N, C-alpha and C. Protein backbone atom coordinates (compact mmCIF):
# COMPACT_ATOMS: atom_id res chain seq x y z
N MET A 1 54.29 182.31 146.50
CA MET A 1 53.75 183.61 147.14
C MET A 1 53.29 183.21 148.12
N GLU A 2 53.25 183.45 149.47
CA GLU A 2 53.05 183.27 150.62
C GLU A 2 51.23 183.96 150.46
N HIS A 3 50.42 182.89 151.31
CA HIS A 3 49.07 183.34 151.45
C HIS A 3 48.56 183.33 152.72
N ASP A 4 47.99 184.33 153.39
CA ASP A 4 47.81 184.16 154.38
C ASP A 4 46.12 184.27 154.91
N ALA A 5 45.35 183.75 153.94
CA ALA A 5 44.00 183.86 154.14
C ALA A 5 43.46 183.54 152.81
N PRO A 6 42.25 183.24 152.43
CA PRO A 6 41.70 183.04 151.17
C PRO A 6 41.27 184.43 150.51
N GLU A 7 41.77 184.27 148.97
CA GLU A 7 41.90 185.55 148.39
C GLU A 7 40.63 185.34 147.32
N ASN A 8 40.20 186.79 147.01
CA ASN A 8 39.34 187.10 145.97
C ASN A 8 39.91 187.44 144.87
N THR A 9 39.31 186.77 143.96
CA THR A 9 39.98 186.51 142.30
C THR A 9 39.61 187.56 141.99
N GLN A 10 38.85 189.04 142.45
CA GLN A 10 38.74 189.92 141.67
C GLN A 10 40.00 191.02 142.32
N ARG A 11 40.56 191.98 141.36
CA ARG A 11 41.26 192.54 142.07
C ARG A 11 40.43 194.16 142.73
N PRO A 12 40.92 194.41 144.10
CA PRO A 12 40.14 195.35 144.93
C PRO A 12 40.25 196.54 144.14
N LYS A 13 39.50 197.28 143.99
CA LYS A 13 39.56 198.90 143.50
C LYS A 13 40.30 199.30 144.15
N THR A 14 40.76 199.54 145.34
CA THR A 14 42.10 200.07 146.32
C THR A 14 43.12 199.13 146.28
N ARG A 15 42.63 198.03 145.49
CA ARG A 15 44.60 196.85 145.27
C ARG A 15 44.74 196.54 146.43
N GLY A 16 43.74 196.56 147.70
CA GLY A 16 44.31 195.52 148.95
C GLY A 16 44.37 196.09 150.41
N VAL A 17 43.90 197.52 150.38
CA VAL A 17 43.31 198.71 151.48
C VAL A 17 42.48 199.05 151.83
N PRO A 18 41.49 198.85 152.63
CA PRO A 18 40.29 199.60 152.66
C PRO A 18 40.36 201.22 152.62
N GLU A 19 39.24 201.65 152.14
CA GLU A 19 39.00 203.07 151.80
C GLU A 19 39.22 204.08 153.40
N SER A 20 38.97 203.00 154.33
CA SER A 20 38.64 204.18 155.43
C SER A 20 40.31 204.00 156.29
N ARG A 21 41.33 203.34 155.80
CA ARG A 21 42.82 202.82 156.55
C ARG A 21 43.51 203.36 155.52
N ALA A 22 43.03 203.64 154.16
CA ALA A 22 44.36 203.90 153.25
C ALA A 22 45.24 205.05 153.40
N SER A 23 44.61 206.12 153.85
CA SER A 23 45.42 207.52 154.20
C SER A 23 46.20 207.42 155.67
N ARG A 24 46.02 206.37 156.41
CA ARG A 24 46.67 206.57 157.79
C ARG A 24 48.26 206.30 157.74
N PRO A 25 48.56 206.84 158.29
CA PRO A 25 50.19 207.06 158.67
C PRO A 25 51.18 205.65 158.83
N ARG A 26 50.32 204.91 159.49
CA ARG A 26 50.98 203.63 160.03
C ARG A 26 50.70 202.64 158.67
N ALA A 27 49.36 202.96 157.78
CA ALA A 27 49.32 202.28 156.46
C ALA A 27 50.34 202.50 155.70
N GLN A 28 50.53 203.82 155.59
CA GLN A 28 51.67 204.03 154.65
C GLN A 28 53.11 203.71 154.82
N ALA A 29 53.14 203.53 155.86
CA ALA A 29 54.73 203.27 156.80
C ALA A 29 54.68 201.76 156.51
N ILE A 30 53.62 200.86 156.51
CA ILE A 30 53.83 199.23 156.10
C ILE A 30 53.97 199.53 154.81
N LEU A 31 53.49 200.35 154.25
CA LEU A 31 53.83 199.95 152.46
C LEU A 31 54.80 200.50 152.11
N ASN A 32 55.66 201.37 152.55
CA ASN A 32 56.82 201.65 152.16
C ASN A 32 58.01 200.85 153.24
N ALA A 33 57.40 200.18 153.92
CA ALA A 33 58.75 199.06 154.32
C ALA A 33 58.35 197.84 153.89
N THR A 34 56.98 197.80 153.03
CA THR A 34 56.88 196.35 152.30
C THR A 34 57.65 196.79 151.16
N ALA A 35 57.61 198.10 150.27
CA ALA A 35 58.26 198.38 149.36
C ALA A 35 59.78 198.06 149.12
N LYS A 36 60.49 198.27 150.36
CA LYS A 36 61.83 197.98 150.53
C LYS A 36 62.38 196.92 150.64
N LEU A 37 61.48 195.86 151.58
CA LEU A 37 61.71 194.76 151.70
C LEU A 37 61.44 193.69 150.11
N ILE A 38 60.63 193.97 149.28
CA ILE A 38 60.31 193.50 147.83
C ILE A 38 61.49 194.10 146.76
N ALA A 39 61.80 195.42 146.89
CA ALA A 39 63.32 195.63 146.06
C ALA A 39 64.26 195.09 146.60
N ASP A 40 64.30 194.63 147.79
CA ASP A 40 65.71 193.98 148.15
C ASP A 40 65.55 192.28 147.88
N ARG A 41 64.47 191.70 147.95
CA ARG A 41 64.45 190.68 148.37
C ARG A 41 63.23 189.81 147.50
N GLY A 42 62.68 190.44 146.72
CA GLY A 42 61.59 190.09 145.87
C GLY A 42 60.18 189.84 146.10
N VAL A 43 59.33 189.81 145.62
CA VAL A 43 57.89 189.75 145.96
C VAL A 43 57.51 188.29 146.77
N ALA A 44 58.05 187.19 146.57
CA ALA A 44 57.99 185.80 146.81
C ALA A 44 58.63 185.50 148.18
N GLU A 45 59.39 186.23 148.17
CA GLU A 45 60.40 186.29 149.49
C GLU A 45 60.01 187.35 150.43
N THR A 46 59.20 188.08 150.59
CA THR A 46 58.87 188.94 151.29
C THR A 46 57.30 188.24 151.68
N THR A 47 57.12 188.22 153.33
CA THR A 47 56.28 187.87 153.62
C THR A 47 55.50 188.78 154.83
N VAL A 48 54.56 188.66 155.11
CA VAL A 48 53.82 189.40 156.18
C VAL A 48 54.75 189.76 157.35
N SER A 49 55.09 188.46 157.81
CA SER A 49 55.63 188.12 158.80
C SER A 49 56.71 189.00 158.91
N GLU A 50 57.49 189.16 158.06
CA GLU A 50 58.86 189.85 157.81
C GLU A 50 58.57 191.41 157.82
N VAL A 51 57.79 191.84 157.12
CA VAL A 51 56.96 193.18 156.99
C VAL A 51 56.96 193.48 159.07
N GLY A 52 55.89 192.88 159.43
CA GLY A 52 55.65 193.04 160.53
C GLY A 52 56.85 193.36 161.57
N ARG A 53 58.28 192.44 161.04
CA ARG A 53 59.48 192.42 162.14
C ARG A 53 60.11 193.90 161.78
N ALA A 54 60.04 194.23 160.41
CA ALA A 54 60.61 195.72 160.05
C ALA A 54 60.13 196.72 160.41
N MET A 55 58.67 196.51 160.62
CA MET A 55 57.95 197.52 161.38
C MET A 55 57.91 197.35 162.94
N ASN A 56 58.33 196.25 163.44
CA ASN A 56 58.64 196.26 164.69
C ASN A 56 56.98 196.16 165.39
N MET A 57 56.44 195.58 164.93
CA MET A 57 54.91 195.26 165.14
C MET A 57 54.25 193.81 165.01
N ARG A 58 53.30 193.12 165.32
CA ARG A 58 53.12 192.20 165.40
C ARG A 58 52.32 192.01 163.98
N LYS A 59 52.14 190.76 163.91
CA LYS A 59 51.57 190.42 162.08
C LYS A 59 50.00 190.65 162.26
N SER A 60 49.60 190.58 163.01
CA SER A 60 48.38 190.70 163.60
C SER A 60 47.92 192.34 163.04
N VAL A 61 48.94 193.35 163.40
CA VAL A 61 48.47 194.52 163.09
C VAL A 61 48.68 194.88 161.61
N VAL A 62 49.42 194.11 161.00
CA VAL A 62 49.34 194.60 159.46
C VAL A 62 48.61 193.72 159.00
N HIS A 63 47.56 192.73 159.57
CA HIS A 63 46.34 192.14 158.61
C HIS A 63 45.24 193.09 158.97
N TYR A 64 45.27 193.97 159.95
CA TYR A 64 44.51 194.83 160.67
C TYR A 64 44.10 195.80 159.44
N TYR A 65 45.50 196.05 158.44
CA TYR A 65 45.16 197.02 157.44
C TYR A 65 45.17 196.29 156.30
N PHE A 66 45.70 195.14 156.17
CA PHE A 66 45.90 194.48 154.83
C PHE A 66 45.24 192.91 155.10
N GLU A 67 44.39 192.52 154.39
CA GLU A 67 43.62 191.17 154.80
C GLU A 67 44.54 189.87 154.65
N ASN A 68 45.22 190.12 153.37
CA ASN A 68 46.49 188.96 153.17
C ASN A 68 47.47 189.51 152.24
N LYS A 69 48.81 188.60 152.15
CA LYS A 69 49.81 189.13 151.26
C LYS A 69 49.61 189.61 149.89
N GLN A 70 48.68 189.11 149.46
CA GLN A 70 48.34 190.02 148.22
C GLN A 70 47.50 191.23 148.24
N ALA A 71 46.55 191.21 149.17
CA ALA A 71 46.28 192.67 149.30
C ALA A 71 47.28 193.83 149.49
N LEU A 72 48.44 193.29 150.46
CA LEU A 72 49.13 194.16 150.79
C LEU A 72 50.36 194.08 149.49
N VAL A 73 50.78 193.32 148.95
CA VAL A 73 51.42 193.29 147.83
C VAL A 73 50.71 194.21 146.76
N ASN A 74 49.18 194.50 146.70
CA ASN A 74 48.34 194.83 145.39
C ASN A 74 48.57 196.63 146.02
N ALA A 75 48.48 196.65 147.14
CA ALA A 75 48.60 197.95 147.67
C ALA A 75 49.95 198.68 147.23
N VAL A 76 50.99 197.82 147.49
CA VAL A 76 52.22 198.56 147.09
C VAL A 76 52.33 198.71 145.55
N GLN A 77 52.09 197.95 144.61
CA GLN A 77 51.66 198.52 143.65
C GLN A 77 51.10 199.66 142.97
N ALA A 78 49.83 199.72 143.88
CA ALA A 78 48.94 200.71 143.44
C ALA A 78 49.69 201.98 143.83
N LEU A 79 50.57 201.82 145.11
CA LEU A 79 51.10 203.26 145.38
C LEU A 79 52.29 203.82 144.64
N ALA A 80 53.07 202.50 143.91
CA ALA A 80 54.37 202.84 143.22
C ALA A 80 53.81 203.58 141.92
N GLU A 81 52.73 202.68 141.25
CA GLU A 81 51.93 203.34 140.09
C GLU A 81 51.79 205.33 140.51
N ARG A 82 51.21 205.24 141.54
CA ARG A 82 50.82 206.59 141.52
C ARG A 82 51.93 207.56 142.05
N LYS A 83 52.83 207.44 142.55
CA LYS A 83 54.45 207.85 142.37
C LYS A 83 54.95 208.09 141.36
N LEU A 84 54.72 206.97 140.07
CA LEU A 84 55.60 207.05 139.15
C LEU A 84 55.01 207.76 138.27
N LEU A 85 53.46 208.04 138.05
CA LEU A 85 52.66 208.64 136.84
C LEU A 85 52.85 210.19 137.64
N THR A 86 52.59 210.85 138.91
CA THR A 86 53.02 211.63 138.92
C THR A 86 53.80 212.37 138.96
N ARG A 87 55.44 211.61 138.99
CA ARG A 87 56.83 212.25 138.78
C ARG A 87 56.65 212.35 137.01
N VAL A 88 56.21 211.58 136.31
CA VAL A 88 55.97 212.09 134.71
C VAL A 88 55.46 212.66 134.75
N GLN A 89 54.30 212.88 134.80
CA GLN A 89 53.35 214.10 134.68
C GLN A 89 54.11 215.24 134.96
N ALA A 90 54.52 215.08 135.95
CA ALA A 90 55.29 216.81 136.39
C ALA A 90 56.34 217.09 135.11
N ALA A 91 56.76 216.15 135.29
CA ALA A 91 58.15 216.09 134.22
C ALA A 91 57.76 216.63 132.92
N LEU A 92 56.98 216.11 132.44
CA LEU A 92 56.34 216.69 131.27
C LEU A 92 55.43 217.81 130.97
N GLU A 93 54.85 218.13 131.99
CA GLU A 93 54.11 219.76 131.88
C GLU A 93 54.65 220.18 131.08
N PRO A 94 54.20 220.83 130.11
CA PRO A 94 54.74 221.69 128.90
C PRO A 94 54.97 223.43 129.98
N ALA A 95 55.65 224.18 129.87
CA ALA A 95 55.60 225.64 130.31
C ALA A 95 54.94 226.25 129.77
N ASP A 96 54.87 226.00 128.31
CA ASP A 96 53.95 227.05 127.58
C ASP A 96 53.21 225.83 126.54
N ALA A 97 51.68 225.82 126.92
CA ALA A 97 50.99 224.83 126.49
C ALA A 97 50.73 225.49 124.66
N HIS A 98 51.20 226.55 124.32
CA HIS A 98 51.03 226.71 122.86
C HIS A 98 51.83 226.84 122.17
N LYS A 99 53.30 227.02 122.96
CA LYS A 99 54.50 226.99 121.88
C LYS A 99 54.93 225.48 121.63
N PRO A 100 55.47 225.28 120.29
CA PRO A 100 55.67 223.88 120.17
C PRO A 100 57.26 223.43 120.77
N ARG A 101 57.46 222.39 121.08
CA ARG A 101 58.69 222.05 122.04
C ARG A 101 59.43 220.87 121.32
N ASP A 102 60.47 221.06 121.16
CA ASP A 102 61.53 219.84 120.50
C ASP A 102 61.98 219.05 121.58
N PHE A 103 62.50 217.93 120.78
CA PHE A 103 62.22 216.30 121.84
C PHE A 103 62.90 216.78 123.12
N ARG A 104 64.22 217.21 123.27
CA ARG A 104 65.20 217.09 123.89
C ARG A 104 64.44 218.07 125.25
N SER A 105 63.51 219.15 124.80
CA SER A 105 63.39 219.95 125.77
C SER A 105 62.00 219.31 126.67
N PHE A 106 61.41 218.29 126.05
CA PHE A 106 60.20 218.14 126.91
C PHE A 106 60.25 216.67 127.31
N LEU A 107 61.26 215.51 126.55
CA LEU A 107 61.29 214.17 126.95
C LEU A 107 62.65 214.18 127.61
N ARG A 108 63.86 215.33 128.21
CA ARG A 108 64.96 215.20 128.85
C ARG A 108 64.31 214.56 129.90
N PRO A 109 63.53 215.39 130.87
CA PRO A 109 62.98 215.11 132.23
C PRO A 109 62.57 213.94 132.23
N PHE A 110 61.92 213.34 131.66
CA PHE A 110 61.23 211.87 131.41
C PHE A 110 62.19 210.80 132.01
N PHE A 111 63.17 210.59 132.09
CA PHE A 111 64.32 209.30 132.04
C PHE A 111 64.44 209.48 133.32
N ARG A 112 64.84 210.48 134.21
CA ARG A 112 64.28 210.21 135.71
C ARG A 112 63.65 210.64 136.22
N ALA A 113 62.39 210.57 135.53
CA ALA A 113 61.42 210.80 136.34
C ALA A 113 60.71 209.34 136.35
N ALA A 114 60.57 208.51 135.19
CA ALA A 114 60.41 207.12 135.00
C ALA A 114 61.24 206.42 135.84
N GLN A 115 62.35 206.40 135.98
CA GLN A 115 63.15 205.52 136.32
C GLN A 115 63.09 205.98 137.94
N GLY A 116 62.70 207.23 138.56
CA GLY A 116 62.91 207.02 139.85
C GLY A 116 64.23 206.84 140.70
N ASP A 117 64.15 206.39 141.77
CA ASP A 117 65.51 206.42 142.31
C ASP A 117 65.96 204.62 142.09
N ASN A 118 67.10 204.04 142.38
CA ASN A 118 67.47 203.11 142.44
C ASN A 118 66.44 201.69 143.13
N GLU A 119 66.14 202.34 144.44
CA GLU A 119 65.03 201.50 144.87
C GLU A 119 63.65 201.48 144.11
N ASP A 120 63.29 202.59 143.60
CA ASP A 120 62.19 202.43 143.19
C ASP A 120 62.04 201.47 141.78
N PHE A 121 63.45 201.66 141.00
CA PHE A 121 63.52 200.53 139.60
C PHE A 121 63.75 199.20 140.17
N ALA A 122 64.69 199.10 141.32
CA ALA A 122 64.47 197.40 141.68
C ALA A 122 63.61 197.15 141.94
N MET A 123 62.46 197.31 142.96
CA MET A 123 61.13 197.28 143.01
C MET A 123 60.62 196.84 141.91
N ARG A 124 60.20 197.86 140.67
CA ARG A 124 59.92 197.58 139.43
C ARG A 124 60.46 196.29 138.99
N LEU A 125 61.72 196.07 139.16
CA LEU A 125 62.18 194.98 138.88
C LEU A 125 61.58 193.61 139.09
N GLN A 126 61.51 193.79 140.14
CA GLN A 126 61.13 192.89 140.87
C GLN A 126 59.59 192.40 140.76
N PHE A 127 58.77 192.99 140.58
CA PHE A 127 57.36 193.43 139.99
C PHE A 127 57.04 192.76 138.86
N TRP A 128 58.20 192.97 137.82
CA TRP A 128 58.11 192.61 136.31
C TRP A 128 58.44 191.01 136.64
N ALA A 129 59.59 190.75 137.34
CA ALA A 129 59.72 189.10 137.62
C ALA A 129 58.44 188.27 137.88
N GLU A 130 57.81 188.94 139.08
CA GLU A 130 56.98 188.00 139.66
C GLU A 130 55.40 188.09 139.02
N SER A 131 55.65 188.92 137.71
CA SER A 131 54.34 188.99 136.60
C SER A 131 54.56 187.80 135.86
N ARG A 132 55.82 187.36 135.61
CA ARG A 132 55.64 185.92 134.89
C ARG A 132 54.99 184.97 135.75
N ARG A 133 54.90 185.08 137.33
CA ARG A 133 54.19 183.90 137.84
C ARG A 133 52.97 184.32 138.32
N GLU A 134 52.71 185.39 138.59
CA GLU A 134 51.45 185.38 139.39
C GLU A 134 50.44 186.58 138.75
N SER A 135 49.31 186.30 138.02
CA SER A 135 48.49 187.22 137.31
C SER A 135 47.91 187.94 137.78
N ASP A 136 47.93 187.98 139.06
CA ASP A 136 47.41 189.51 139.75
C ASP A 136 48.51 190.69 139.97
N VAL A 137 49.61 190.11 139.90
CA VAL A 137 50.63 191.33 139.52
C VAL A 137 51.08 191.33 138.08
N GLN A 138 50.65 190.66 137.47
CA GLN A 138 50.82 190.96 135.99
C GLN A 138 49.93 191.71 135.27
N THR A 139 48.36 191.73 135.87
CA THR A 139 47.65 192.85 136.05
C THR A 139 47.75 194.04 136.15
N GLY A 140 48.75 194.37 137.13
CA GLY A 140 49.00 195.38 138.11
C GLY A 140 50.23 196.14 137.01
N VAL A 141 51.29 195.16 136.70
CA VAL A 141 52.53 195.41 136.03
C VAL A 141 51.69 196.50 134.75
N GLY A 142 51.08 195.59 133.79
CA GLY A 142 50.26 195.84 132.58
C GLY A 142 49.82 197.43 133.05
N GLU A 143 48.99 197.44 133.77
CA GLU A 143 47.99 198.63 134.02
C GLU A 143 49.06 199.79 134.07
N THR A 144 50.10 199.54 135.15
CA THR A 144 50.98 200.98 135.41
C THR A 144 51.79 201.23 134.02
N ARG A 145 52.09 200.23 132.86
CA ARG A 145 52.71 200.46 131.83
C ARG A 145 51.89 200.86 130.65
N ASN A 146 50.24 200.63 130.55
CA ASN A 146 49.68 201.12 129.59
C ASN A 146 49.54 202.99 130.03
N ARG A 147 49.05 203.00 131.68
CA ARG A 147 49.13 204.46 131.81
C ARG A 147 50.29 205.35 131.44
N LEU A 148 51.50 204.43 131.94
CA LEU A 148 52.62 205.52 131.55
C LEU A 148 52.74 205.75 129.88
N ARG A 149 52.62 204.87 129.32
CA ARG A 149 52.46 205.02 127.79
C ARG A 149 51.26 205.80 126.99
N ASP A 150 50.47 205.79 127.72
CA ASP A 150 49.55 206.78 127.45
C ASP A 150 50.10 208.45 127.71
N THR A 151 50.48 208.35 129.15
CA THR A 151 50.89 209.56 128.99
C THR A 151 52.06 210.52 128.34
N LEU A 152 52.93 209.39 128.16
CA LEU A 152 53.82 209.58 127.27
C LEU A 152 53.47 209.94 125.91
N GLU A 153 52.46 209.43 125.40
CA GLU A 153 52.13 209.37 123.87
C GLU A 153 51.36 210.89 124.29
N ALA A 154 50.34 210.97 124.84
CA ALA A 154 49.79 212.20 124.86
C ALA A 154 50.80 213.43 124.84
N ALA A 155 51.71 213.53 125.58
CA ALA A 155 52.68 214.27 125.74
C ALA A 155 53.67 214.69 124.34
N VAL A 156 53.86 213.65 123.87
CA VAL A 156 54.40 213.57 122.25
C VAL A 156 53.40 214.20 121.16
N VAL A 157 51.82 213.80 121.30
CA VAL A 157 51.38 214.67 120.57
C VAL A 157 51.21 215.96 120.95
N GLU A 158 51.07 216.44 122.08
CA GLU A 158 51.19 217.90 122.57
C GLU A 158 52.11 218.83 122.06
N SER A 159 53.40 218.00 121.88
CA SER A 159 54.61 219.08 121.71
C SER A 159 54.53 219.55 120.11
N ARG A 160 53.61 218.47 119.16
CA ARG A 160 53.52 218.71 117.91
C ARG A 160 55.28 218.64 117.08
N ALA A 161 55.84 217.60 117.81
CA ALA A 161 57.29 217.20 117.28
C ALA A 161 57.42 216.22 116.34
N VAL A 162 56.34 215.51 116.27
CA VAL A 162 56.74 214.32 114.88
C VAL A 162 54.60 214.47 114.55
N SER A 163 54.86 213.58 113.43
CA SER A 163 53.66 213.19 113.18
C SER A 163 52.69 212.50 113.74
N ALA A 164 51.51 212.11 113.58
CA ALA A 164 50.71 211.26 114.82
C ALA A 164 51.09 209.87 114.52
N ASP A 165 51.07 209.85 113.05
CA ASP A 165 51.57 208.15 112.80
C ASP A 165 52.71 207.43 113.51
N GLU A 166 53.47 208.74 114.05
CA GLU A 166 55.07 208.22 114.45
C GLU A 166 54.37 208.21 116.39
N THR A 167 53.95 208.58 116.51
CA THR A 167 53.47 208.98 117.98
C THR A 167 53.79 207.70 118.73
N ALA A 168 52.81 206.61 118.49
CA ALA A 168 53.33 205.38 119.38
C ALA A 168 54.76 204.96 119.18
N THR A 169 55.17 204.54 117.83
CA THR A 169 56.21 204.27 117.57
C THR A 169 57.23 204.81 118.52
N ILE A 170 57.60 206.38 118.62
CA ILE A 170 58.41 207.07 119.65
C ILE A 170 58.09 206.91 121.03
N ALA A 171 56.67 206.45 121.37
CA ALA A 171 56.67 206.38 122.81
C ALA A 171 57.51 205.03 123.18
N SER A 172 57.49 204.34 122.41
CA SER A 172 57.50 202.67 122.65
C SER A 172 58.99 202.65 122.73
N LEU A 173 59.68 203.53 121.56
CA LEU A 173 61.54 203.55 121.49
C LEU A 173 61.84 204.10 122.88
N VAL A 174 61.34 205.30 123.23
CA VAL A 174 61.70 206.28 124.57
C VAL A 174 61.49 205.22 125.74
N MET A 175 60.31 204.58 125.79
CA MET A 175 60.07 203.71 127.09
C MET A 175 61.07 202.43 127.15
N ALA A 176 61.40 201.79 125.96
CA ALA A 176 62.46 200.51 126.11
C ALA A 176 63.43 201.31 126.40
N VAL A 177 64.18 202.17 125.81
CA VAL A 177 65.41 202.89 126.35
C VAL A 177 65.43 203.22 127.37
N THR A 178 64.67 204.09 127.98
CA THR A 178 64.76 204.38 129.52
C THR A 178 64.85 203.55 130.32
N ASP A 179 64.10 202.01 130.03
CA ASP A 179 63.82 200.85 130.94
C ASP A 179 65.33 200.30 130.76
N GLY A 180 65.87 200.38 129.88
CA GLY A 180 67.46 199.72 129.46
C GLY A 180 68.44 199.99 130.35
N LEU A 181 68.56 201.50 130.04
CA LEU A 181 69.24 202.67 130.21
C LEU A 181 69.17 202.39 131.87
N ALA A 182 67.98 202.29 132.83
CA ALA A 182 67.90 202.44 133.83
C ALA A 182 68.31 201.29 134.62
N LEU A 183 67.99 199.86 133.72
CA LEU A 183 68.87 198.64 134.56
C LEU A 183 70.19 198.53 134.20
N ALA A 184 70.59 199.24 133.20
CA ALA A 184 72.12 199.37 132.90
C ALA A 184 72.93 200.23 134.04
N GLU A 185 72.25 201.02 134.23
CA GLU A 185 72.89 202.04 135.33
C GLU A 185 72.73 201.77 136.98
N LEU A 186 71.66 200.68 136.94
CA LEU A 186 71.76 200.07 138.31
C LEU A 186 72.61 198.97 138.43
N LEU A 187 73.03 198.48 137.53
CA LEU A 187 74.39 197.06 137.33
C LEU A 187 75.65 197.99 137.07
N ASP A 188 75.58 198.85 136.80
CA ASP A 188 77.05 199.66 136.10
C ASP A 188 77.39 200.30 136.54
N GLY A 189 76.62 201.33 137.32
CA GLY A 189 76.49 202.76 137.73
C GLY A 189 77.50 203.71 136.81
N ASP A 190 78.04 204.20 137.34
CA ASP A 190 78.25 205.84 136.51
C ASP A 190 79.25 205.13 134.94
N ARG A 191 79.42 204.23 134.91
CA ARG A 191 80.03 203.68 133.76
C ARG A 191 78.60 203.09 132.67
N ALA A 192 77.69 203.17 133.06
CA ALA A 192 76.69 202.77 131.95
C ALA A 192 76.18 203.90 131.11
N LYS A 193 77.10 205.42 131.53
CA LYS A 193 76.54 206.82 131.02
C LYS A 193 75.15 206.60 130.20
N ALA A 194 74.59 206.30 131.85
CA ALA A 194 72.69 206.33 131.03
C ALA A 194 72.36 207.87 130.70
N SER A 195 73.11 208.69 131.24
CA SER A 195 72.47 210.17 130.96
C SER A 195 72.75 210.37 129.30
N GLU A 196 74.02 210.09 129.17
CA GLU A 196 74.82 210.78 128.16
C GLU A 196 74.21 209.95 127.01
N ALA A 197 73.56 208.58 127.20
CA ALA A 197 72.97 207.93 125.74
C ALA A 197 71.75 208.00 125.48
N TYR A 198 71.23 208.61 126.91
CA TYR A 198 69.67 209.02 126.53
C TYR A 198 70.09 210.35 125.94
N GLU A 199 70.93 211.14 126.07
CA GLU A 199 70.89 212.54 125.47
C GLU A 199 70.91 212.40 124.35
N LEU A 200 71.61 211.11 123.76
CA LEU A 200 72.12 211.06 121.99
C LEU A 200 70.75 210.26 121.74
N LEU A 201 70.09 209.62 122.30
CA LEU A 201 68.81 209.54 121.67
C LEU A 201 68.07 210.32 121.41
N LEU A 202 67.60 211.80 122.19
CA LEU A 202 66.91 212.67 122.12
C LEU A 202 67.49 213.51 120.86
N LYS A 203 68.40 213.70 120.67
CA LYS A 203 69.60 214.30 119.83
C LYS A 203 68.97 213.53 118.31
N LEU A 204 68.91 212.45 118.52
CA LEU A 204 68.85 211.35 117.03
C LEU A 204 67.93 212.02 116.89
N LEU A 205 66.44 211.50 117.82
CA LEU A 205 65.13 211.76 117.54
C LEU A 205 65.06 213.15 116.72
N GLU A 206 65.28 214.15 117.73
CA GLU A 206 65.30 215.48 117.17
C GLU A 206 65.59 215.52 115.70
N LEU A 207 66.71 215.02 115.34
CA LEU A 207 67.21 215.02 114.05
C LEU A 207 66.24 214.28 113.05
N GLY A 208 65.63 213.33 113.14
CA GLY A 208 64.62 212.77 112.33
C GLY A 208 63.33 213.36 112.34
N ALA A 209 62.92 214.03 113.33
CA ALA A 209 61.91 215.07 113.10
C ALA A 209 61.99 216.01 112.30
N GLN A 210 63.41 216.49 112.58
CA GLN A 210 63.71 217.88 111.63
C GLN A 210 63.47 217.34 110.07
N GLU A 211 64.20 216.43 109.71
CA GLU A 211 64.14 215.71 108.51
C GLU A 211 63.05 215.37 108.02
N SER A 212 61.92 215.10 108.83
CA SER A 212 60.72 214.37 108.43
C SER A 212 59.79 215.85 107.97
N ARG A 213 60.28 217.10 108.87
CA ARG A 213 59.55 218.08 108.61
C ARG A 213 59.80 218.81 107.26
N VAL A 214 61.37 218.62 107.11
CA VAL A 214 61.47 219.22 105.80
C VAL A 214 61.19 218.56 104.29
N SER A 215 61.14 217.26 104.63
CA SER A 215 60.41 216.39 103.57
C SER A 215 59.20 216.90 103.23
N VAL A 216 58.35 216.92 104.69
CA VAL A 216 56.82 217.40 104.16
C VAL A 216 56.86 219.09 103.52
N ASP A 217 57.70 219.62 103.55
CA ASP A 217 57.47 221.17 103.40
C ASP A 217 58.16 221.36 102.05
N LYS A 218 58.91 220.38 101.77
CA LYS A 218 60.01 220.71 100.57
C LYS A 218 59.10 220.20 99.34
N PRO A 219 59.15 220.54 98.51
CA PRO A 219 58.40 220.44 97.13
C PRO A 219 58.62 219.32 96.24
N SER A 220 57.92 218.45 96.12
CA SER A 220 57.75 217.15 95.17
C SER A 220 58.59 217.85 93.89
N SER A 221 59.14 216.98 93.31
CA SER A 221 59.51 217.02 91.72
C SER A 221 58.99 217.40 90.88
N SER A 222 57.62 216.66 91.14
CA SER A 222 56.44 216.85 89.92
C SER A 222 56.05 218.37 90.09
N MET A 223 55.65 218.74 91.17
CA MET A 223 55.39 220.19 91.54
C MET A 223 56.28 221.07 91.18
N ARG A 224 57.31 220.88 91.43
CA ARG A 224 58.60 221.88 90.66
C ARG A 224 58.74 221.93 89.42
N ALA A 225 58.05 221.03 88.75
CA ALA A 225 58.33 220.79 87.26
C ALA A 225 57.18 221.63 86.75
N ALA A 226 56.64 221.37 87.43
CA ALA A 226 55.12 221.88 86.86
C ALA A 226 54.95 223.63 87.06
N THR A 227 55.44 224.19 88.19
CA THR A 227 55.94 225.41 88.58
C THR A 227 56.85 225.72 87.58
N ILE A 228 57.87 225.36 87.15
CA ILE A 228 58.69 226.10 86.11
C ILE A 228 57.91 225.78 84.69
N THR A 229 57.31 225.07 84.25
CA THR A 229 56.70 225.08 83.09
C THR A 229 55.80 225.78 83.02
N ALA A 230 54.72 226.40 84.29
CA ALA A 230 53.89 227.74 84.02
C ALA A 230 54.66 228.57 84.12
C-alpha cells in the first residue's frame, strides 16, 4: 500500500477525513472517484496520484482533504459502510412493527440491499482481499460485517419468525448465501440465477420455521397419553 506520509497507528474516528471537511462536495467527489478506482484496480494499486488524475486535480489538493492514502482508504470504507447499512436498514424496516412476518416478506429485500450494485460489491471484494494484508483495512471490514450482522439479527428477532436460539445461525446463513450469490452474479451474470436461488433459500427457511412452530405447538406423546388416561 502506498504511504504518502507517516501514519497514525490509531484508527481515526472519522476514518481519515477532518470533521470540518467531511461533508464538502469536493471531498465527497474524491471519495467517489477513489471508490471506483478501488473497485476496478484494488486497494494496493490505487494511489493518491491516480485519484488526483481521475479528478483532474493536483495531488496536493487531495492531500488537503486526506492526509495520506490510508486516511483516504479509511474514509472510503466508512462511506461505503454508511451506504450499506442505510440500504439494509431501510430494506428490513417493517411496515407494521406489531405484525409477525414470514421470512420471504422481510428478508426478500435484504439480498439486493446488502449486495448493492456491481461496483459496490466489487469494491467490497477488493477490501476483503486487502484485509488479508493490511490490519487497518481488516479492522474496517470486521466492523462493517459486525454491524451488518447485528442489524440482520435484530430484524430476525423482531420478525418473531424463529426461536431466539436460532437467530444467529439464520443471520449467518443468510449473509453467507447473500455474499456467495452476489459473487456468482458478478462473475456469471444472469446465468447465476441469484434471485431465484435466494428465493429458494427463503422458502426453505420459511418451511423450516413452520415445522418448528408445529413441533412446539404439538402436544408430546406423554401429554397425549396423560390426557387420554384422565
